[in-house]
């Protein structure tokens, strides 16, 4: 079972990358108001992998009930909601579709789980890299969502590069001249600096551990 768990660890990572690439392709090249059947099949496969990984982790845990209660939200963000909506025949707008398909991508919070575990073990270097990965992943997904919501209504947004630049300036708390006009864009405008600033205490802890007593090489 432990071997199977390690296999699914790798498979979950690869599946997550596949889903991110597929979502990027749909948003950056798609002109339709609905996501393609190909994307929905990819999302279904990836979500099934995520759910299988969850149940395998629960199976190897000694306290299955406690594991489920503590980690059930991992299962909730692994459900292929957009596929379920498509099967029921409910028609949703493009913007709502983007938000719904982004839910499985919230598996990036798994990195935050790893961060907490490493923090308890005081392995600050691993904590730093895990959180950097989480920030970069969240920033890229935010750029995709911002671009899809703002590109037809914001005259200051010309291409995806502008969206990436806007996210980079906001996540570093510098601030961008490009002002979001949609509600989702404004929400991201608030969340990104908060998420980015959480990185600074981790960097400080890493430097203090790496160079105790302030002995930093010139």
C-alpha atoms as a PDB file:
ATOM      1  CA  UNK A   1       0.000   0.000   0.000  1.00  0.00           C
ATOM      2  CA  UNK A   2       2.892   2.360   0.753  1.00  0.00           C
ATOM      3  CA  UNK A   3       4.283   1.748  -2.746  1.00  0.00           C
ATOM      4  CA  UNK A   4       0.867   2.509  -4.228  1.00  0.00           C
ATOM      5  CA  UNK A   5       0.730   5.689  -2.194  1.00  0.00           C
ATOM      6  CA  UNK A   6       4.094   6.841  -3.550  1.00  0.00           C
ATOM      7  CA  UNK A   7       2.948   6.053  -7.090  1.00  0.00           C
ATOM      8  CA  UNK A   8      -0.162   8.167  -6.598  1.00  0.00           C
ATOM      9  CA  UNK A   9       1.932  10.986  -5.153  1.00  0.00           C
ATOM     10  CA  UNK A  10       3.774  11.203  -8.463  1.00  0.00           C
ATOM     11  CA  UNK A  11       0.624  10.596 -10.493  1.00  0.00           C
ATOM     12  CA  UNK A  12      -1.209  13.377  -8.646  1.00  0.00           C
ATOM     13  CA  UNK A  13       1.621  15.797  -9.372  1.00  0.00           C
ATOM     14  CA  UNK A  14       1.689  14.908 -13.071  1.00  0.00           C
ATOM     15  CA  UNK A  15      -2.108  15.066 -13.259  1.00  0.00           C
ATOM     16  CA  UNK A  16      -2.127  18.488 -11.631  1.00  0.00           C
ATOM     17  CA  UNK A  17       0.358  19.787 -14.196  1.00  0.00           C
ATOM     18  CA  UNK A  18      -1.738  18.272 -16.993  1.00  0.00           C
ATOM     19  CA  UNK A  19      -4.870  20.000 -15.692  1.00  0.00           C
ATOM     20  CA  UNK A  20      -3.054  23.324 -15.420  1.00  0.00           C
ATOM     21  CA  UNK A  21      -1.758  23.031 -18.991  1.00  0.00           C
ATOM     22  CA  UNK A  22      -5.223  22.093 -20.266  1.00  0.00           C
ATOM     23  CA  UNK A  23      -6.835  25.023 -18.474  1.00  0.00           C
ATOM     24  CA  UNK A  24      -4.178  27.372 -19.840  1.00  0.00           C
ATOM     25  CA  UNK A  25      -4.852  26.142 -23.373  1.00  0.00           C
ATOM     26  CA  UNK A  26      -8.614  26.592 -22.984  1.00  0.00           C
ATOM     27  CA  UNK A  27      -8.330  30.131 -21.643  1.00  0.00           C
ATOM     28  CA  UNK A  28      -5.518  31.435 -23.832  1.00  0.00           C
ATOM     29  CA  UNK A  29      -6.702  29.964 -27.143  1.00  0.00           C
ATOM     30  CA  UNK A  30     -10.400  29.321 -26.629  1.00  0.00           C
ATOM     31  CA  UNK A  31     -12.980  31.619 -28.166  1.00  0.00           C
ATOM     32  CA  UNK A  32     -16.024  29.558 -27.239  1.00  0.00           C
ATOM     33  CA  UNK A  33     -18.299  30.484 -24.359  1.00  0.00           C
ATOM     34  CA  UNK A  34     -18.050  26.894 -23.107  1.00  0.00           C
ATOM     35  CA  UNK A  35     -15.125  24.648 -22.305  1.00  0.00           C
ATOM     36  CA  UNK A  36     -14.391  21.881 -24.774  1.00  0.00           C
ATOM     37  CA  UNK A  37     -15.374  18.230 -24.227  1.00  0.00           C
ATOM     38  CA  UNK A  38     -11.661  17.362 -24.365  1.00  0.00           C
ATOM     39  CA  UNK A  39     -10.963  19.596 -21.400  1.00  0.00           C
ATOM     40  CA  UNK A  40     -13.872  18.128 -19.456  1.00  0.00           C
ATOM     41  CA  UNK A  41     -12.560  14.596 -20.035  1.00  0.00           C
ATOM     42  CA  UNK A  42      -9.090  15.661 -18.874  1.00  0.00           C
ATOM     43  CA  UNK A  43     -10.561  17.272 -15.783  1.00  0.00           C
ATOM     44  CA  UNK A  44     -12.597  14.148 -15.034  1.00  0.00           C
ATOM     45  CA  UNK A  45      -9.506  11.934 -15.267  1.00  0.00           C
ATOM     46  CA  UNK A  46      -7.437  14.255 -13.086  1.00  0.00           C
ATOM     47  CA  UNK A  47     -10.162  14.564 -10.463  1.00  0.00           C
ATOM     48  CA  UNK A  48     -10.507  10.776 -10.314  1.00  0.00           C
ATOM     49  CA  UNK A  49      -6.759  10.554  -9.682  1.00  0.00           C
ATOM     50  CA  UNK A  50      -7.039  13.172  -6.934  1.00  0.00           C
ATOM     51  CA  UNK A  51      -9.917  11.321  -5.273  1.00  0.00           C
ATOM     52  CA  UNK A  52      -8.123   7.973  -5.534  1.00  0.00           C
ATOM     53  CA  UNK A  53      -5.068   9.558  -3.907  1.00  0.00           C
ATOM     54  CA  UNK A  54      -7.246  10.829  -1.065  1.00  0.00           C
ATOM     55  CA  UNK A  55      -8.789   7.434  -0.363  1.00  0.00           C
ATOM     56  CA  UNK A  56      -5.418   5.672  -0.565  1.00  0.00           C
ATOM     57  CA  UNK A  57      -4.003   8.105   1.990  1.00  0.00           C
ATOM     58  CA  UNK A  58      -6.990   7.445   4.211  1.00  0.00           C
ATOM     59  CA  UNK A  59      -6.596   3.670   3.808  1.00  0.00           C
ATOM     60  CA  UNK A  60      -2.993   3.690   5.070  1.00  0.00           C
ATOM     61  CA  UNK A  61      -3.733   6.046   7.960  1.00  0.00           C
ATOM     62  CA  UNK A  62      -4.152   4.407  11.356  1.00  0.00           C
ATOM     63  CA  UNK A  63      -6.986   6.748  12.328  1.00  0.00           C
ATOM     64  CA  UNK A  64      -9.195   6.799   9.256  1.00  0.00           C
ATOM     65  CA  UNK A  65     -12.066   8.732  10.795  1.00  0.00           C
ATOM     66  CA  UNK A  66      -9.793  11.468  12.086  1.00  0.00           C
ATOM     67  CA  UNK A  67      -7.970  11.597   8.746  1.00  0.00           C
ATOM     68  CA  UNK A  68     -11.263  12.073   6.896  1.00  0.00           C
ATOM     69  CA  UNK A  69     -12.441  14.864   9.191  1.00  0.00           C
ATOM     70  CA  UNK A  70      -9.134  16.710   8.991  1.00  0.00           C
ATOM     71  CA  UNK A  71      -8.695  16.335   5.237  1.00  0.00           C
ATOM     72  CA  UNK A  72     -12.225  16.151   3.829  1.00  0.00           C
ATOM     73  CA  UNK A  73     -11.782  19.528   2.150  1.00  0.00           C
ATOM     74  CA  UNK A  74      -9.088  17.930  -0.032  1.00  0.00           C
ATOM     75  CA  UNK A  75     -11.812  15.589  -1.251  1.00  0.00           C
ATOM     76  CA  UNK A  76     -14.264  18.450  -1.780  1.00  0.00           C
ATOM     77  CA  UNK A  77     -11.876  20.342  -4.061  1.00  0.00           C
ATOM     78  CA  UNK A  78     -11.183  17.156  -6.028  1.00  0.00           C
ATOM     79  CA  UNK A  79     -14.773  16.690  -7.203  1.00  0.00           C
ATOM     80  CA  UNK A  80     -15.266  17.395 -10.962  1.00  0.00           C
ATOM     81  CA  UNK A  81     -18.046  19.934 -10.463  1.00  0.00           C
ATOM     82  CA  UNK A  82     -17.984  21.170 -14.053  1.00  0.00           C
ATOM     83  CA  UNK A  83     -18.469  17.644 -15.376  1.00  0.00           C
ATOM     84  CA  UNK A  84     -21.426  17.127 -13.052  1.00  0.00           C
ATOM     85  CA  UNK A  85     -22.979  20.393 -14.239  1.00  0.00           C
ATOM     86  CA  UNK A  86     -22.437  19.385 -17.875  1.00  0.00           C
ATOM     87  CA  UNK A  87     -24.060  15.985 -17.286  1.00  0.00           C
ATOM     88  CA  UNK A  88     -27.133  17.619 -15.745  1.00  0.00           C
ATOM     89  CA  UNK A  89     -27.537  19.872 -18.779  1.00  0.00           C
ATOM     90  CA  UNK A  90     -27.375  23.078 -16.743  1.00  0.00           C
ATOM     91  CA  UNK A  91     -26.059  25.992 -18.794  1.00  0.00           C
ATOM     92  CA  UNK A  92     -23.652  28.278 -16.933  1.00  0.00           C
ATOM     93  CA  UNK A  93     -21.896  31.396 -18.149  1.00  0.00           C
ATOM     94  CA  UNK A  94     -18.270  31.419 -19.261  1.00  0.00           C
ATOM     95  CA  UNK A  95     -17.182  33.356 -16.183  1.00  0.00           C
ATOM     96  CA  UNK A  96     -18.870  30.996 -13.760  1.00  0.00           C
ATOM     97  CA  UNK A  97     -17.344  28.091 -15.673  1.00  0.00           C
ATOM     98  CA  UNK A  98     -13.858  29.529 -15.169  1.00  0.00           C
ATOM     99  CA  UNK A  99     -14.396  29.768 -11.420  1.00  0.00           C
ATOM    100  CA  UNK A 100     -15.850  26.265 -11.214  1.00  0.00           C
ATOM    101  CA  UNK A 101     -13.063  24.607 -13.196  1.00  0.00           C
ATOM    102  CA  UNK A 102     -10.515  26.398 -11.029  1.00  0.00           C
ATOM    103  CA  UNK A 103     -11.731  24.505  -7.945  1.00  0.00           C
ATOM    104  CA  UNK A 104      -9.679  21.327  -8.615  1.00  0.00           C
ATOM    105  CA  UNK A 105      -6.639  23.562  -9.093  1.00  0.00           C
ATOM    106  CA  UNK A 106      -6.975  24.522  -5.457  1.00  0.00           C
ATOM    107  CA  UNK A 107      -5.039  21.345  -4.848  1.00  0.00           C
ATOM    108  CA  UNK A 108      -2.150  23.787  -4.727  1.00  0.00           C
ATOM    109  CA  UNK A 109      -3.100  24.141  -1.083  1.00  0.00           C
ATOM    110  CA  UNK A 110      -1.560  20.704  -0.670  1.00  0.00           C
ATOM    111  CA  UNK A 111       1.694  22.628  -0.798  1.00  0.00           C
ATOM    112  CA  UNK A 112       0.487  24.643   2.167  1.00  0.00           C
ATOM    113  CA  UNK A 113      -0.208  21.404   4.024  1.00  0.00           C
ATOM    114  CA  UNK A 114       3.374  20.387   3.360  1.00  0.00           C
ATOM    115  CA  UNK A 115       4.493  23.812   4.552  1.00  0.00           C
ATOM    116  CA  UNK A 116       2.746  23.339   7.891  1.00  0.00           C
ATOM    117  CA  UNK A 117       4.191  19.851   8.308  1.00  0.00           C
ATOM    118  CA  UNK A 118       7.697  21.091   7.577  1.00  0.00           C
ATOM    119  CA  UNK A 119       7.173  24.050   9.875  1.00  0.00           C
ATOM    120  CA  UNK A 120       6.431  21.718  12.756  1.00  0.00           C
ATOM    121  CA  UNK A 121       9.642  19.857  11.933  1.00  0.00           C
ATOM    122  CA  UNK A 122      11.533  23.173  11.787  1.00  0.00           C
ATOM    123  CA  UNK A 123      12.926  22.434   8.348  1.00  0.00           C
ATOM    124  CA  UNK A 124      12.892  26.046   7.242  1.00  0.00           C
ATOM    125  CA  UNK A 125      14.650  25.540   3.903  1.00  0.00           C
ATOM    126  CA  UNK A 126      12.035  23.030   2.779  1.00  0.00           C
ATOM    127  CA  UNK A 127       9.343  25.321   4.153  1.00  0.00           C
ATOM    128  CA  UNK A 128      10.668  28.185   2.061  1.00  0.00           C
ATOM    129  CA  UNK A 129      10.721  26.274  -1.216  1.00  0.00           C
ATOM    130  CA  UNK A 130       7.328  24.699  -0.597  1.00  0.00           C
ATOM    131  CA  UNK A 131       5.767  28.091   0.011  1.00  0.00           C
ATOM    132  CA  UNK A 132       7.480  29.634  -3.004  1.00  0.00           C
ATOM    133  CA  UNK A 133       5.970  26.850  -5.106  1.00  0.00           C
ATOM    134  CA  UNK A 134       2.552  27.597  -3.614  1.00  0.00           C
ATOM    135  CA  UNK A 135       2.862  31.325  -4.317  1.00  0.00           C
ATOM    136  CA  UNK A 136       3.959  30.748  -7.924  1.00  0.00           C
ATOM    137  CA  UNK A 137       1.162  28.255  -8.560  1.00  0.00           C
ATOM    138  CA  UNK A 138      -1.491  30.507  -7.052  1.00  0.00           C
ATOM    139  CA  UNK A 139      -0.132  33.486  -8.983  1.00  0.00           C
ATOM    140  CA  UNK A 140      -0.262  31.675 -12.326  1.00  0.00           C
ATOM    141  CA  UNK A 141      -3.826  30.454 -11.773  1.00  0.00           C
ATOM    142  CA  UNK A 142      -4.792  33.969 -10.676  1.00  0.00           C
ATOM    143  CA  UNK A 143      -3.321  35.380 -13.889  1.00  0.00           C
ATOM    144  CA  UNK A 144      -5.394  32.951 -15.962  1.00  0.00           C
ATOM    145  CA  UNK A 145      -8.598  33.845 -14.121  1.00  0.00           C
ATOM    146  CA  UNK A 146      -7.850  37.584 -14.226  1.00  0.00           C
ATOM    147  CA  UNK A 147      -7.124  37.437 -17.955  1.00  0.00           C
ATOM    148  CA  UNK A 148     -10.321  35.561 -18.768  1.00  0.00           C
ATOM    149  CA  UNK A 149     -12.506  37.894 -16.717  1.00  0.00           C
ATOM    150  CA  UNK A 150     -10.900  41.184 -17.722  1.00  0.00           C
ATOM    151  CA  UNK A 151      -9.788  40.816 -21.339  1.00  0.00           C
ATOM    152  CA  UNK A 152     -13.091  41.888 -22.917  1.00  0.00           C
ATOM    153  CA  UNK A 153     -13.968  44.657 -20.465  1.00  0.00           C
ATOM    154  CA  UNK A 154     -10.655  46.184 -19.383  1.00  0.00           C
ATOM    155  CA  UNK A 155      -9.066  48.436 -22.047  1.00  0.00           C
ATOM    156  CA  UNK A 156      -5.741  48.347 -20.221  1.00  0.00           C
ATOM    157  CA  UNK A 157      -5.369  44.578 -20.591  1.00  0.00           C
ATOM    158  CA  UNK A 158      -3.989  43.631 -24.008  1.00  0.00           C
ATOM    159  CA  UNK A 159      -2.627  40.104 -23.603  1.00  0.00           C
ATOM    160  CA  UNK A 160      -1.785  37.401 -21.083  1.00  0.00           C
ATOM    161  CA  UNK A 161       1.612  38.978 -20.514  1.00  0.00           C
ATOM    162  CA  UNK A 162      -0.143  42.022 -19.050  1.00  0.00           C
ATOM    163  CA  UNK A 163      -2.081  39.723 -16.712  1.00  0.00           C
ATOM    164  CA  UNK A 164       1.113  37.991 -15.548  1.00  0.00           C
ATOM    165  CA  UNK A 165       2.800  41.355 -14.989  1.00  0.00           C
ATOM    166  CA  UNK A 166      -0.217  42.604 -13.032  1.00  0.00           C
ATOM    167  CA  UNK A 167      -0.137  39.520 -10.810  1.00  0.00           C
ATOM    168  CA  UNK A 168       3.633  39.797 -10.278  1.00  0.00           C
ATOM    169  CA  UNK A 169       3.359  43.415  -9.150  1.00  0.00           C
ATOM    170  CA  UNK A 170       0.483  42.676  -6.805  1.00  0.00           C
ATOM    171  CA  UNK A 171       1.859  39.508  -5.231  1.00  0.00           C
ATOM    172  CA  UNK A 172       5.035  41.436  -4.365  1.00  0.00           C
ATOM    173  CA  UNK A 173       2.861  44.231  -2.879  1.00  0.00           C
ATOM    174  CA  UNK A 174       4.304  46.787  -5.315  1.00  0.00           C
ATOM    175  CA  UNK A 175       0.958  47.480  -6.952  1.00  0.00           C
ATOM    176  CA  UNK A 176       0.109  47.848 -10.630  1.00  0.00           C
ATOM    177  CA  UNK A 177      -1.296  50.733 -12.671  1.00  0.00           C
ATOM    178  CA  UNK A 178      -3.785  48.370 -14.298  1.00  0.00           C
ATOM    179  CA  UNK A 179      -7.020  48.671 -12.331  1.00  0.00           C
ATOM    180  CA  UNK A 180      -9.399  45.669 -12.386  1.00  0.00           C
ATOM    181  CA  UNK A 181     -12.988  46.406 -13.346  1.00  0.00           C
ATOM    182  CA  UNK A 182     -14.667  43.076 -12.551  1.00  0.00           C
ATOM    183  CA  UNK A 183     -15.541  41.834  -9.075  1.00  0.00           C
ATOM    184  CA  UNK A 184     -13.290  38.785  -9.417  1.00  0.00           C
ATOM    185  CA  UNK A 185     -10.408  41.000 -10.524  1.00  0.00           C
ATOM    186  CA  UNK A 186     -10.892  43.248  -7.501  1.00  0.00           C
ATOM    187  CA  UNK A 187     -10.956  40.255  -5.157  1.00  0.00           C
ATOM    188  CA  UNK A 188      -7.681  38.990  -6.636  1.00  0.00           C
ATOM    189  CA  UNK A 189      -6.292  42.499  -6.232  1.00  0.00           C
ATOM    190  CA  UNK A 190      -6.797  42.105  -2.471  1.00  0.00           C
ATOM    191  CA  UNK A 191      -5.775  38.457  -2.086  1.00  0.00           C
ATOM    192  CA  UNK A 192      -2.514  38.540  -4.035  1.00  0.00           C
ATOM    193  CA  UNK A 193      -0.616  41.038  -1.809  1.00  0.00           C
ATOM    194  CA  UNK A 194      -1.782  39.205   1.320  1.00  0.00           C
ATOM    195  CA  UNK A 195      -0.638  35.856  -0.054  1.00  0.00           C
ATOM    196  CA  UNK A 196       2.684  37.319  -1.147  1.00  0.00           C
ATOM    197  CA  UNK A 197       3.441  39.100   2.122  1.00  0.00           C
ATOM    198  CA  UNK A 198       3.072  35.839   4.041  1.00  0.00           C
ATOM    199  CA  UNK A 199       6.313  34.781   2.371  1.00  0.00           C
ATOM    200  CA  UNK A 200       8.449  37.402   4.132  1.00  0.00           C
ATOM    201  CA  UNK A 201       8.338  35.876   7.664  1.00  0.00           C
ATOM    202  CA  UNK A 202       9.358  32.535   6.163  1.00  0.00           C
ATOM    203  CA  UNK A 203      12.305  34.156   4.368  1.00  0.00           C
ATOM    204  CA  UNK A 204      13.303  35.875   7.618  1.00  0.00           C
ATOM    205  CA  UNK A 205      13.178  32.578   9.523  1.00  0.00           C
ATOM    206  CA  UNK A 206      15.255  30.909   6.813  1.00  0.00           C
ATOM    207  CA  UNK A 207      17.937  33.626   6.921  1.00  0.00           C
ATOM    208  CA  UNK A 208      18.084  33.518  10.732  1.00  0.00           C
ATOM    209  CA  UNK A 209      18.533  29.731  10.688  1.00  0.00           C
ATOM    210  CA  UNK A 210      20.982  29.773   7.780  1.00  0.00           C
ATOM    211  CA  UNK A 211      23.121  32.573   9.202  1.00  0.00           C
ATOM    212  CA  UNK A 212      22.853  32.438  13.018  1.00  0.00           C
ATOM    213  CA  UNK A 213      24.184  35.451  14.857  1.00  0.00           C
ATOM    214  CA  UNK A 214      24.001  37.589  11.737  1.00  0.00           C
ATOM    215  CA  UNK A 215      27.099  36.014  10.188  1.00  0.00           C
ATOM    216  CA  UNK A 216      26.207  36.527   6.542  1.00  0.00           C
ATOM    217  CA  UNK A 217      29.055  36.121   4.103  1.00  0.00           C
ATOM    218  CA  UNK A 218      30.028  39.292   2.257  1.00  0.00           C
END
